[in-house]
Amino acid sequence: MAQTITCKERFMNEINLMSEIELEKIYKMVMFVKNEFIDEGESRYYTKGWIDAEKEATEIYKKGDLIAFDSVRGLSDFIEDNIESLRKE
């Protein structure tokens, strides 16, 4: 019988193979995603901050001023390079 490995177990296996520098990068990305996009239910969609950000994003999209990334790596590098300034916005 095949043993089922959980997502947490797969993640921990990957973590055990990473250097401290890689772990720091992963930690920053996880915390960014967790803090910005994960919550219970959809309550964040009804906050003033979310509504304002959505309006701002729509205007940027209409102007054609979106940053385009060729890969997830490109997006990841951008977030990592700008994480402090992104937190302040």
Foldseek 3Di string as FASTA:
>chain_A
DDDDDDPVRVVVVVVVPDDPVVVVLVVLVVVVCCVPPDDPDDVVCPDPVNVVVVVVVVVCVVVVNDDDDPDVVRVSVVCVVCVVVVVVD
